[in-house]
N, C-alpha and C. Protein backbone atom coordinates (compact mmCIF):
# COMPACT_ATOMS: atom_id res chain seq x y z
N MET A 1 50.54 148.75 -94.51
CA MET A 1 51.00 147.39 -94.64
C MET A 1 50.08 146.50 -93.81
N SER A 2 49.59 145.43 -94.38
CA SER A 2 48.69 144.54 -93.66
C SER A 2 49.45 143.78 -92.59
N ILE A 3 48.69 143.23 -91.66
CA ILE A 3 49.29 142.43 -90.59
C ILE A 3 50.08 141.28 -91.20
N VAL A 4 49.51 140.63 -92.19
CA VAL A 4 50.18 139.50 -92.83
C VAL A 4 51.52 139.94 -93.44
N THR A 5 51.48 141.02 -94.19
CA THR A 5 52.71 141.53 -94.82
C THR A 5 53.73 141.93 -93.77
N LYS A 6 53.28 142.57 -92.70
CA LYS A 6 54.20 142.99 -91.65
C LYS A 6 54.88 141.80 -90.99
N VAL A 7 54.13 140.77 -90.67
CA VAL A 7 54.72 139.58 -90.04
C VAL A 7 55.76 138.94 -90.96
N ILE A 8 55.40 138.79 -92.21
CA ILE A 8 56.33 138.17 -93.17
C ILE A 8 57.56 139.04 -93.37
N THR A 9 57.36 140.33 -93.55
CA THR A 9 58.49 141.25 -93.76
C THR A 9 59.42 141.28 -92.55
N ASP A 10 58.84 141.38 -91.36
CA ASP A 10 59.66 141.40 -90.14
C ASP A 10 60.48 140.12 -90.00
N ALA A 11 59.83 138.98 -90.21
CA ALA A 11 60.54 137.71 -90.10
C ALA A 11 61.64 137.61 -91.16
N ASP A 12 61.32 137.99 -92.37
CA ASP A 12 62.30 137.90 -93.45
C ASP A 12 63.48 138.84 -93.22
N ASN A 13 63.21 140.03 -92.75
CA ASN A 13 64.29 140.98 -92.47
C ASN A 13 65.25 140.46 -91.40
N GLU A 14 64.72 139.63 -90.50
CA GLU A 14 65.54 139.06 -89.43
C GLU A 14 65.98 137.63 -89.76
N LEU A 15 65.72 137.17 -90.99
CA LEU A 15 66.11 135.84 -91.47
C LEU A 15 65.65 134.75 -90.52
N ARG A 16 64.36 134.78 -90.18
CA ARG A 16 63.78 133.81 -89.25
C ARG A 16 62.37 133.46 -89.68
N TYR A 17 61.84 132.45 -89.05
CA TYR A 17 60.43 132.11 -89.25
C TYR A 17 59.59 132.99 -88.34
N PRO A 18 58.32 133.17 -88.67
CA PRO A 18 57.46 133.94 -87.77
C PRO A 18 57.43 133.31 -86.38
N SER A 19 57.43 134.16 -85.37
CA SER A 19 57.41 133.68 -83.98
C SER A 19 56.03 133.15 -83.61
N ILE A 20 55.95 132.49 -82.48
CA ILE A 20 54.66 131.99 -81.99
C ILE A 20 53.72 133.16 -81.75
N GLY A 21 54.24 134.24 -81.20
CA GLY A 21 53.41 135.43 -80.98
C GLY A 21 52.87 135.99 -82.27
N GLU A 22 53.73 136.07 -83.28
CA GLU A 22 53.28 136.59 -84.59
C GLU A 22 52.24 135.66 -85.21
N LEU A 23 52.44 134.37 -85.08
CA LEU A 23 51.46 133.42 -85.63
C LEU A 23 50.13 133.52 -84.88
N SER A 24 50.19 133.80 -83.58
CA SER A 24 48.95 134.01 -82.81
C SER A 24 48.21 135.25 -83.29
N ILE A 25 48.96 136.30 -83.60
CA ILE A 25 48.35 137.52 -84.14
C ILE A 25 47.65 137.20 -85.46
N LEU A 26 48.33 136.44 -86.32
CA LEU A 26 47.73 136.06 -87.61
C LEU A 26 46.49 135.19 -87.42
N LYS A 27 46.57 134.27 -86.47
CA LYS A 27 45.42 133.39 -86.20
C LYS A 27 44.22 134.23 -85.77
N SER A 28 44.47 135.20 -84.91
CA SER A 28 43.39 136.09 -84.46
C SER A 28 42.83 136.89 -85.63
N TYR A 29 43.73 137.40 -86.47
CA TYR A 29 43.29 138.18 -87.63
C TYR A 29 42.43 137.33 -88.56
N PHE A 30 42.87 136.12 -88.85
CA PHE A 30 42.14 135.25 -89.77
C PHE A 30 40.85 134.72 -89.17
N SER A 31 40.75 134.70 -87.85
CA SER A 31 39.55 134.15 -87.21
C SER A 31 38.30 134.97 -87.51
N ASN A 32 38.48 136.25 -87.81
CA ASN A 32 37.30 137.07 -88.09
C ASN A 32 37.34 137.73 -89.48
N VAL A 33 38.06 137.11 -90.40
CA VAL A 33 38.18 137.69 -91.74
C VAL A 33 36.83 137.78 -92.44
N ASP A 34 35.96 136.80 -92.23
CA ASP A 34 34.63 136.87 -92.85
C ASP A 34 33.85 138.07 -92.32
N GLU A 35 33.97 138.32 -91.03
CA GLU A 35 33.28 139.47 -90.44
C GLU A 35 33.86 140.78 -90.98
N ARG A 36 35.18 140.83 -91.15
CA ARG A 36 35.82 142.03 -91.70
C ARG A 36 35.33 142.29 -93.13
N LEU A 37 35.26 141.25 -93.93
CA LEU A 37 34.78 141.40 -95.30
C LEU A 37 33.32 141.86 -95.31
N ASN A 38 32.53 141.33 -94.41
CA ASN A 38 31.13 141.73 -94.32
C ASN A 38 31.01 143.21 -93.95
N ILE A 39 31.84 143.65 -93.01
CA ILE A 39 31.84 145.06 -92.60
C ILE A 39 32.14 145.96 -93.79
N VAL A 40 33.16 145.60 -94.55
CA VAL A 40 33.54 146.41 -95.71
C VAL A 40 32.39 146.48 -96.70
N CYS A 41 31.74 145.36 -96.93
CA CYS A 41 30.59 145.35 -97.86
C CYS A 41 29.45 146.23 -97.34
N ILE A 42 29.18 146.15 -96.04
CA ILE A 42 28.11 146.97 -95.47
C ILE A 42 28.43 148.45 -95.62
N LEU A 43 29.66 148.84 -95.28
CA LEU A 43 30.03 150.25 -95.37
C LEU A 43 30.02 150.72 -96.83
N ARG A 44 30.53 149.89 -97.72
CA ARG A 44 30.53 150.24 -99.15
C ARG A 44 29.11 150.38 -99.68
N ASP A 45 28.28 149.39 -99.39
CA ASP A 45 26.93 149.37 -99.94
C ASP A 45 26.03 150.46 -99.36
N ASN A 46 26.37 150.94 -98.17
CA ASN A 46 25.55 151.94 -97.51
C ASN A 46 26.23 153.30 -97.44
N GLN A 47 27.26 153.50 -98.24
CA GLN A 47 28.05 154.72 -98.19
C GLN A 47 27.17 155.97 -98.30
N GLN A 48 26.29 156.01 -99.28
CA GLN A 48 25.47 157.21 -99.47
C GLN A 48 24.56 157.47 -98.27
N SER A 49 23.96 156.43 -97.74
CA SER A 49 23.09 156.60 -96.57
C SER A 49 23.88 157.03 -95.35
N ILE A 50 25.06 156.46 -95.18
CA ILE A 50 25.92 156.83 -94.05
C ILE A 50 26.32 158.29 -94.15
N ILE A 51 26.75 158.70 -95.32
CA ILE A 51 27.17 160.09 -95.53
C ILE A 51 25.99 161.05 -95.33
N LYS A 52 24.82 160.65 -95.79
CA LYS A 52 23.64 161.49 -95.61
C LYS A 52 23.33 161.68 -94.12
N LEU A 53 23.35 160.60 -93.37
CA LEU A 53 23.11 160.68 -91.92
C LEU A 53 24.17 161.54 -91.23
N ALA A 54 25.42 161.30 -91.58
CA ALA A 54 26.53 162.02 -90.95
C ALA A 54 26.48 163.51 -91.28
N SER A 55 26.17 163.83 -92.53
CA SER A 55 26.14 165.25 -92.90
C SER A 55 24.97 165.96 -92.22
N LYS A 56 23.86 165.30 -92.12
CA LYS A 56 22.72 165.89 -91.41
C LYS A 56 23.10 166.16 -89.96
N ALA A 57 23.80 165.22 -89.34
CA ALA A 57 24.21 165.37 -87.94
C ALA A 57 25.22 166.50 -87.75
N ILE A 58 26.22 166.59 -88.62
CA ILE A 58 27.25 167.62 -88.45
C ILE A 58 26.66 169.01 -88.66
N PHE A 59 25.73 169.14 -89.59
CA PHE A 59 25.16 170.46 -89.84
C PHE A 59 24.14 170.85 -88.77
N GLN A 60 23.67 169.87 -87.98
CA GLN A 60 22.86 170.20 -86.81
C GLN A 60 23.76 170.68 -85.68
N ILE A 61 24.94 170.07 -85.57
CA ILE A 61 25.90 170.48 -84.54
C ILE A 61 26.50 171.84 -84.89
N HIS A 62 26.82 172.03 -86.17
CA HIS A 62 27.48 173.25 -86.64
C HIS A 62 26.68 173.87 -87.80
N PRO A 63 25.51 174.46 -87.49
CA PRO A 63 24.72 175.07 -88.58
C PRO A 63 25.44 176.24 -89.25
N GLU A 64 26.42 176.79 -88.55
CA GLU A 64 27.17 177.91 -89.15
C GLU A 64 27.97 177.48 -90.37
N TYR A 65 28.23 176.20 -90.53
CA TYR A 65 28.99 175.74 -91.69
C TYR A 65 28.20 175.89 -92.99
N ILE A 66 26.86 175.77 -92.91
CA ILE A 66 26.06 175.88 -94.12
C ILE A 66 25.40 177.25 -94.24
N ALA A 67 25.62 178.11 -93.24
CA ALA A 67 25.10 179.48 -93.29
C ALA A 67 25.94 180.30 -94.27
N PRO A 68 25.44 181.43 -94.71
CA PRO A 68 26.24 182.29 -95.60
C PRO A 68 27.62 182.59 -95.00
N GLY A 69 28.64 182.35 -95.81
CA GLY A 69 30.02 182.54 -95.36
C GLY A 69 30.63 181.33 -94.69
N GLY A 70 29.84 180.28 -94.49
CA GLY A 70 30.33 179.07 -93.83
C GLY A 70 31.16 178.20 -94.76
N ASN A 71 31.92 177.28 -94.16
CA ASN A 71 32.80 176.40 -94.94
C ASN A 71 32.05 175.47 -95.89
N ALA A 72 30.79 175.19 -95.59
CA ALA A 72 30.01 174.29 -96.45
C ALA A 72 28.83 175.03 -97.09
N GLU A 73 28.97 176.33 -97.23
CA GLU A 73 27.92 177.15 -97.84
C GLU A 73 27.80 176.79 -99.32
N GLY A 74 26.60 176.60 -99.77
CA GLY A 74 26.36 176.34 -101.19
C GLY A 74 26.64 174.90 -101.59
N ALA A 75 26.13 174.54 -102.73
CA ALA A 75 26.21 173.15 -103.21
C ALA A 75 27.65 172.70 -103.46
N ARG A 76 28.48 173.58 -104.04
CA ARG A 76 29.85 173.19 -104.37
C ARG A 76 30.67 172.89 -103.12
N LYS A 77 30.64 173.79 -102.16
CA LYS A 77 31.41 173.58 -100.92
C LYS A 77 30.87 172.39 -100.14
N ARG A 78 29.56 172.25 -100.12
CA ARG A 78 28.97 171.13 -99.40
C ARG A 78 29.37 169.81 -100.05
N SER A 79 29.41 169.76 -101.36
CA SER A 79 29.81 168.51 -102.04
C SER A 79 31.27 168.17 -101.74
N LEU A 80 32.12 169.18 -101.56
CA LEU A 80 33.52 168.92 -101.18
C LEU A 80 33.60 168.30 -99.78
N CYS A 81 32.76 168.78 -98.88
CA CYS A 81 32.71 168.20 -97.53
C CYS A 81 32.28 166.73 -97.60
N LEU A 82 31.26 166.48 -98.38
CA LEU A 82 30.74 165.12 -98.49
C LEU A 82 31.74 164.20 -99.19
N ARG A 83 32.53 164.77 -100.10
CA ARG A 83 33.59 163.99 -100.74
C ARG A 83 34.59 163.52 -99.68
N ASP A 84 34.93 164.40 -98.75
CA ASP A 84 35.85 164.02 -97.67
C ASP A 84 35.26 162.91 -96.81
N TYR A 85 33.95 162.98 -96.56
CA TYR A 85 33.30 161.90 -95.81
C TYR A 85 33.52 160.56 -96.50
N GLY A 86 33.30 160.52 -97.80
CA GLY A 86 33.50 159.28 -98.54
C GLY A 86 34.93 158.80 -98.47
N TRP A 87 35.86 159.74 -98.52
CA TRP A 87 37.29 159.40 -98.46
C TRP A 87 37.62 158.78 -97.10
N TYR A 88 37.13 159.39 -96.02
CA TYR A 88 37.41 158.84 -94.69
C TYR A 88 36.75 157.48 -94.49
N LEU A 89 35.56 157.31 -95.03
CA LEU A 89 34.89 156.02 -94.93
C LEU A 89 35.70 154.94 -95.67
N ARG A 90 36.25 155.29 -96.82
CA ARG A 90 37.11 154.34 -97.54
C ARG A 90 38.35 154.01 -96.72
N LEU A 91 38.95 155.01 -96.08
CA LEU A 91 40.12 154.74 -95.23
C LEU A 91 39.78 153.73 -94.14
N ILE A 92 38.60 153.87 -93.57
CA ILE A 92 38.17 152.93 -92.54
C ILE A 92 38.08 151.52 -93.12
N THR A 93 37.52 151.38 -94.32
CA THR A 93 37.41 150.04 -94.91
C THR A 93 38.78 149.45 -95.21
N TYR A 94 39.73 150.29 -95.63
CA TYR A 94 41.08 149.79 -95.89
C TYR A 94 41.68 149.21 -94.61
N SER A 95 41.47 149.91 -93.52
CA SER A 95 42.03 149.45 -92.25
C SER A 95 41.32 148.20 -91.73
N VAL A 96 40.01 148.15 -91.92
CA VAL A 96 39.27 146.95 -91.52
C VAL A 96 39.80 145.75 -92.30
N LEU A 97 40.03 145.92 -93.59
CA LEU A 97 40.55 144.83 -94.41
C LEU A 97 41.95 144.41 -94.00
N SER A 98 42.80 145.39 -93.79
CA SER A 98 44.21 145.07 -93.50
C SER A 98 44.45 144.74 -92.04
N GLY A 99 43.54 145.12 -91.17
CA GLY A 99 43.71 144.83 -89.75
C GLY A 99 44.74 145.72 -89.07
N GLU A 100 45.00 146.89 -89.64
CA GLU A 100 46.00 147.79 -89.05
C GLU A 100 45.59 149.24 -89.28
N LYS A 101 46.26 150.13 -88.56
CA LYS A 101 45.94 151.56 -88.64
C LYS A 101 46.94 152.33 -89.48
N GLU A 102 47.93 151.66 -90.03
CA GLU A 102 48.99 152.33 -90.77
C GLU A 102 48.47 153.09 -91.99
N SER A 103 47.50 152.51 -92.69
CA SER A 103 46.99 153.20 -93.88
C SER A 103 46.27 154.48 -93.47
N ILE A 104 45.57 154.46 -92.34
CA ILE A 104 44.93 155.68 -91.85
C ILE A 104 46.00 156.70 -91.50
N GLU A 105 47.02 156.23 -90.83
CA GLU A 105 48.08 157.15 -90.41
C GLU A 105 48.76 157.79 -91.61
N GLN A 106 49.10 156.98 -92.60
CA GLN A 106 49.81 157.49 -93.77
C GLN A 106 48.92 158.34 -94.67
N LEU A 107 47.69 157.91 -94.87
CA LEU A 107 46.81 158.59 -95.82
C LEU A 107 45.88 159.62 -95.18
N GLY A 108 45.57 159.44 -93.90
CA GLY A 108 44.53 160.27 -93.33
C GLY A 108 44.88 161.12 -92.14
N ILE A 109 46.05 160.96 -91.57
CA ILE A 109 46.37 161.73 -90.37
C ILE A 109 47.57 162.64 -90.60
N ILE A 110 48.62 162.08 -91.19
CA ILE A 110 49.85 162.86 -91.37
C ILE A 110 49.56 164.05 -92.28
N GLY A 111 49.76 165.22 -91.77
CA GLY A 111 49.58 166.44 -92.55
C GLY A 111 48.15 166.93 -92.66
N VAL A 112 47.20 166.19 -92.10
CA VAL A 112 45.79 166.58 -92.27
C VAL A 112 45.49 167.90 -91.57
N LYS A 113 46.05 168.11 -90.41
CA LYS A 113 45.78 169.37 -89.71
C LYS A 113 46.31 170.56 -90.51
N GLU A 114 47.51 170.40 -91.06
CA GLU A 114 48.08 171.47 -91.86
C GLU A 114 47.25 171.74 -93.11
N MET A 115 46.78 170.66 -93.74
CA MET A 115 45.97 170.82 -94.94
C MET A 115 44.67 171.55 -94.62
N TYR A 116 43.97 171.08 -93.58
CA TYR A 116 42.70 171.72 -93.24
C TYR A 116 42.91 173.16 -92.77
N ASN A 117 43.98 173.39 -92.02
CA ASN A 117 44.27 174.77 -91.59
C ASN A 117 44.52 175.67 -92.79
N SER A 118 45.28 175.17 -93.77
CA SER A 118 45.57 175.98 -94.96
C SER A 118 44.32 176.26 -95.78
N LEU A 119 43.35 175.37 -95.70
CA LEU A 119 42.08 175.56 -96.43
C LEU A 119 41.05 176.33 -95.61
N GLY A 120 41.40 176.64 -94.36
CA GLY A 120 40.47 177.35 -93.49
C GLY A 120 39.36 176.49 -92.94
N VAL A 121 39.59 175.18 -92.89
CA VAL A 121 38.60 174.24 -92.36
C VAL A 121 38.89 174.05 -90.87
N PRO A 122 37.90 174.31 -90.01
CA PRO A 122 38.13 174.14 -88.57
C PRO A 122 38.38 172.68 -88.20
N ILE A 123 39.48 172.44 -87.50
CA ILE A 123 39.82 171.07 -87.09
C ILE A 123 38.75 170.50 -86.17
N LEU A 124 38.24 171.32 -85.24
CA LEU A 124 37.18 170.85 -84.35
C LEU A 124 35.99 170.35 -85.16
N GLY A 125 35.66 171.05 -86.22
CA GLY A 125 34.56 170.63 -87.08
C GLY A 125 34.85 169.30 -87.76
N MET A 126 36.10 169.09 -88.17
CA MET A 126 36.46 167.81 -88.79
C MET A 126 36.40 166.68 -87.77
N ILE A 127 36.82 166.95 -86.55
CA ILE A 127 36.73 165.94 -85.50
C ILE A 127 35.26 165.58 -85.27
N ASP A 128 34.41 166.60 -85.16
CA ASP A 128 32.98 166.35 -85.01
C ASP A 128 32.41 165.60 -86.22
N ALA A 129 32.90 165.94 -87.41
CA ALA A 129 32.42 165.29 -88.62
C ALA A 129 32.77 163.80 -88.64
N ILE A 130 33.99 163.47 -88.22
CA ILE A 130 34.40 162.06 -88.18
C ILE A 130 33.58 161.32 -87.13
N ASP A 131 33.31 161.97 -86.01
CA ASP A 131 32.47 161.35 -84.98
C ASP A 131 31.06 161.10 -85.52
N CYS A 132 30.52 162.05 -86.26
CA CYS A 132 29.20 161.86 -86.89
C CYS A 132 29.24 160.72 -87.90
N LEU A 133 30.33 160.63 -88.65
CA LEU A 133 30.49 159.55 -89.62
C LEU A 133 30.56 158.20 -88.91
N LYS A 134 31.24 158.17 -87.79
CA LYS A 134 31.32 156.94 -86.99
C LYS A 134 29.93 156.53 -86.51
N LYS A 135 29.21 157.47 -85.92
CA LYS A 135 27.88 157.16 -85.39
C LYS A 135 26.93 156.72 -86.51
N ALA A 136 27.01 157.36 -87.66
CA ALA A 136 26.16 156.98 -88.79
C ALA A 136 26.51 155.58 -89.28
N SER A 137 27.79 155.25 -89.32
CA SER A 137 28.23 153.92 -89.76
C SER A 137 27.73 152.84 -88.81
N LEU A 138 27.74 153.14 -87.53
CA LEU A 138 27.33 152.14 -86.54
C LEU A 138 25.85 151.80 -86.65
N GLU A 139 25.08 152.68 -87.26
CA GLU A 139 23.65 152.40 -87.48
C GLU A 139 23.45 151.17 -88.37
N PHE A 140 24.46 150.82 -89.16
CA PHE A 140 24.34 149.73 -90.12
C PHE A 140 25.08 148.46 -89.68
N LEU A 141 25.75 148.53 -88.53
CA LEU A 141 26.60 147.42 -88.09
C LEU A 141 26.08 146.80 -86.80
N SER A 142 26.35 145.51 -86.65
CA SER A 142 26.02 144.82 -85.40
C SER A 142 27.00 145.27 -84.31
N GLU A 143 26.74 144.85 -83.10
CA GLU A 143 27.62 145.20 -81.99
C GLU A 143 29.03 144.65 -82.19
N SER A 144 29.14 143.41 -82.64
CA SER A 144 30.49 142.83 -82.84
C SER A 144 31.20 143.50 -84.01
N GLU A 145 30.45 143.84 -85.06
CA GLU A 145 31.05 144.54 -86.19
C GLU A 145 31.51 145.94 -85.77
N SER A 146 30.69 146.58 -84.95
CA SER A 146 31.03 147.91 -84.45
C SER A 146 32.32 147.89 -83.64
N SER A 147 32.51 146.84 -82.86
CA SER A 147 33.72 146.76 -82.02
C SER A 147 34.99 146.66 -82.87
N ILE A 148 34.86 146.19 -84.10
CA ILE A 148 36.01 146.13 -85.01
C ILE A 148 36.25 147.50 -85.64
N VAL A 149 35.20 148.22 -85.96
CA VAL A 149 35.29 149.48 -86.70
C VAL A 149 35.63 150.67 -85.80
N VAL A 150 35.07 150.73 -84.63
CA VAL A 150 35.21 151.91 -83.75
C VAL A 150 36.66 152.31 -83.51
N PRO A 151 37.58 151.37 -83.23
CA PRO A 151 38.97 151.81 -82.99
C PRO A 151 39.59 152.58 -84.16
N TYR A 152 39.21 152.27 -85.37
CA TYR A 152 39.76 152.98 -86.53
C TYR A 152 39.22 154.41 -86.61
N PHE A 153 37.94 154.58 -86.36
CA PHE A 153 37.38 155.93 -86.29
C PHE A 153 38.03 156.72 -85.16
N ASN A 154 38.16 156.07 -84.00
CA ASN A 154 38.75 156.75 -82.85
C ASN A 154 40.20 157.13 -83.12
N PHE A 155 40.90 156.31 -83.88
CA PHE A 155 42.29 156.61 -84.24
C PHE A 155 42.36 157.89 -85.07
N ILE A 156 41.44 158.05 -86.00
CA ILE A 156 41.40 159.27 -86.81
C ILE A 156 41.07 160.47 -85.92
N ILE A 157 40.06 160.32 -85.08
CA ILE A 157 39.65 161.40 -84.18
C ILE A 157 40.82 161.80 -83.28
N GLN A 158 41.48 160.82 -82.70
CA GLN A 158 42.63 161.09 -81.82
C GLN A 158 43.75 161.76 -82.58
N GLY A 159 44.01 161.30 -83.79
CA GLY A 159 45.08 161.89 -84.61
C GLY A 159 44.80 163.35 -84.95
N MET A 160 43.55 163.67 -85.19
CA MET A 160 43.18 165.06 -85.48
C MET A 160 43.21 165.92 -84.23
N SER A 161 42.99 165.29 -83.09
CA SER A 161 42.92 166.01 -81.82
C SER A 161 44.30 166.41 -81.29
N ASN A 162 45.32 165.68 -81.68
CA ASN A 162 46.68 165.96 -81.16
C ASN A 162 47.30 167.16 -81.80
């Protein structure tokens, strides 16, 4: 749920107008909406390059993943890993757009450990992979844009770490 939707829903559920604090939150959110849209465009337009950088980095950290018997051995398994990279990058853009972490929590954290465990995917490797994806994404963003994006990546990393 976006910040805007949350403020409106909360106020409506309590049969009141948005509070001054809620309006301040909205003002802050709207103050950098152009930057948020730019970030989403950069991440979308550079998705393939970001994934390429991130995958190169993760396989340098964990070469055993692409070795015989590894989780990313062969073209098919490796493409599944890269598909997950694209999925997580999209989750980040959804959160940048909405200004909240709820979509990450609902779509990307809840049950993820169980899913990866059932598939035999090492959680530590996924944490490292998301960190590599974060670092690769930052290569394309300015410092101020990075400050908006980093908390969402860190939220995913923290969620996987718990």
